[in-house]
C-alpha atoms as a PDB file:
ATOM      1  CA  UNK A   1      24.576   3.752   5.124  1.00  0.00           C
ATOM      2  CA  UNK A   2      26.852   0.969   6.088  1.00  0.00           C
ATOM      3  CA  UNK A   3      25.577  -2.275   7.949  1.00  0.00           C
ATOM      4  CA  UNK A   4      28.029  -4.249   9.743  1.00  0.00           C
ATOM      5  CA  UNK A   5      28.810  -6.436   7.487  1.00  0.00           C
ATOM      6  CA  UNK A   6      29.934  -4.058   5.479  1.00  0.00           C
ATOM      7  CA  UNK A   7      26.673  -4.127   2.911  1.00  0.00           C
ATOM      8  CA  UNK A   8      24.710  -0.784   1.822  1.00  0.00           C
ATOM      9  CA  UNK A   9      21.353  -0.394   3.354  1.00  0.00           C
ATOM     10  CA  UNK A  10      19.146  -0.135   0.508  1.00  0.00           C
ATOM     11  CA  UNK A  11      17.253   3.266  -0.462  1.00  0.00           C
ATOM     12  CA  UNK A  12      13.906   2.263  -1.368  1.00  0.00           C
ATOM     13  CA  UNK A  13      12.181   5.397  -3.588  1.00  0.00           C
ATOM     14  CA  UNK A  14       9.431   3.445  -4.751  1.00  0.00           C
ATOM     15  CA  UNK A  15       6.502   2.519  -2.750  1.00  0.00           C
ATOM     16  CA  UNK A  16       5.928  -1.254  -2.280  1.00  0.00           C
ATOM     17  CA  UNK A  17       1.968  -0.400  -1.984  1.00  0.00           C
ATOM     18  CA  UNK A  18       0.927   1.040  -4.828  1.00  0.00           C
ATOM     19  CA  UNK A  19       4.326   1.336  -6.819  1.00  0.00           C
ATOM     20  CA  UNK A  20       4.575   5.340  -7.244  1.00  0.00           C
ATOM     21  CA  UNK A  21       7.869   6.841  -7.132  1.00  0.00           C
ATOM     22  CA  UNK A  22       9.614   9.128  -5.724  1.00  0.00           C
ATOM     23  CA  UNK A  23      12.840  11.420  -5.641  1.00  0.00           C
ATOM     24  CA  UNK A  24      13.996  10.875  -2.624  1.00  0.00           C
ATOM     25  CA  UNK A  25      13.210   8.360   0.725  1.00  0.00           C
ATOM     26  CA  UNK A  26      12.001  11.282   2.605  1.00  0.00           C
ATOM     27  CA  UNK A  27       9.432  11.959   0.135  1.00  0.00           C
ATOM     28  CA  UNK A  28       8.276   8.476   0.272  1.00  0.00           C
ATOM     29  CA  UNK A  29       7.994   8.175   3.973  1.00  0.00           C
ATOM     30  CA  UNK A  30       5.704  11.387   3.659  1.00  0.00           C
ATOM     31  CA  UNK A  31       3.909   9.583   0.927  1.00  0.00           C
ATOM     32  CA  UNK A  32       3.124   6.213   3.034  1.00  0.00           C
ATOM     33  CA  UNK A  33       2.009   8.180   6.182  1.00  0.00           C
ATOM     34  CA  UNK A  34      -0.432  10.716   4.163  1.00  0.00           C
ATOM     35  CA  UNK A  35      -1.978   7.657   1.428  1.00  0.00           C
ATOM     36  CA  UNK A  36      -1.306   3.961   3.378  1.00  0.00           C
ATOM     37  CA  UNK A  37      -1.551   5.317   7.219  1.00  0.00           C
ATOM     38  CA  UNK A  38       1.766   4.822   8.751  1.00  0.00           C
ATOM     39  CA  UNK A  39       1.615   1.218   7.960  1.00  0.00           C
ATOM     40  CA  UNK A  40       5.121   0.095   6.686  1.00  0.00           C
ATOM     41  CA  UNK A  41       5.115  -1.438   3.092  1.00  0.00           C
ATOM     42  CA  UNK A  42       7.754  -3.959   3.452  1.00  0.00           C
ATOM     43  CA  UNK A  43       5.947  -6.269   6.598  1.00  0.00           C
ATOM     44  CA  UNK A  44       2.641  -4.548   7.253  1.00  0.00           C
ATOM     45  CA  UNK A  45       3.511  -3.064  10.835  1.00  0.00           C
ATOM     46  CA  UNK A  46       1.053  -0.275  11.560  1.00  0.00           C
ATOM     47  CA  UNK A  47       3.379   2.495  13.215  1.00  0.00           C
ATOM     48  CA  UNK A  48       1.945   5.883  14.894  1.00  0.00           C
ATOM     49  CA  UNK A  49       3.617   8.642  13.506  1.00  0.00           C
ATOM     50  CA  UNK A  50       6.203   9.346  10.585  1.00  0.00           C
ATOM     51  CA  UNK A  51       8.814   9.385  13.024  1.00  0.00           C
ATOM     52  CA  UNK A  52       7.827   5.927  14.635  1.00  0.00           C
ATOM     53  CA  UNK A  53       7.713   4.439  10.611  1.00  0.00           C
ATOM     54  CA  UNK A  54      11.418   5.951  10.008  1.00  0.00           C
ATOM     55  CA  UNK A  55      13.005   4.482  13.088  1.00  0.00           C
ATOM     56  CA  UNK A  56      11.006   1.420  12.470  1.00  0.00           C
ATOM     57  CA  UNK A  57      12.635   0.730   8.720  1.00  0.00           C
ATOM     58  CA  UNK A  58      15.969   1.127  10.047  1.00  0.00           C
ATOM     59  CA  UNK A  59      15.741  -1.204  12.734  1.00  0.00           C
ATOM     60  CA  UNK A  60      14.056  -3.311  11.179  1.00  0.00           C
ATOM     61  CA  UNK A  61      14.566  -3.668   7.696  1.00  0.00           C
ATOM     62  CA  UNK A  62      17.993  -1.546   7.607  1.00  0.00           C
ATOM     63  CA  UNK A  63      16.431   0.840   5.748  1.00  0.00           C
ATOM     64  CA  UNK A  64      17.225   4.487   6.532  1.00  0.00           C
END
């Protein structure tokens, strides 16, 4: 995904909270929701669902 500046947004596949690695961003998000109770691993915000966590990461951190 490109941002307005032309920079490519990062694609996380390693959990910043526990270091576990995943083959896709989707698998990482599933892990974060299950293991870390939908808490943003970048800023610590607590979200109510997987969908909210995905939106939060995209809007606040440029991660898709």
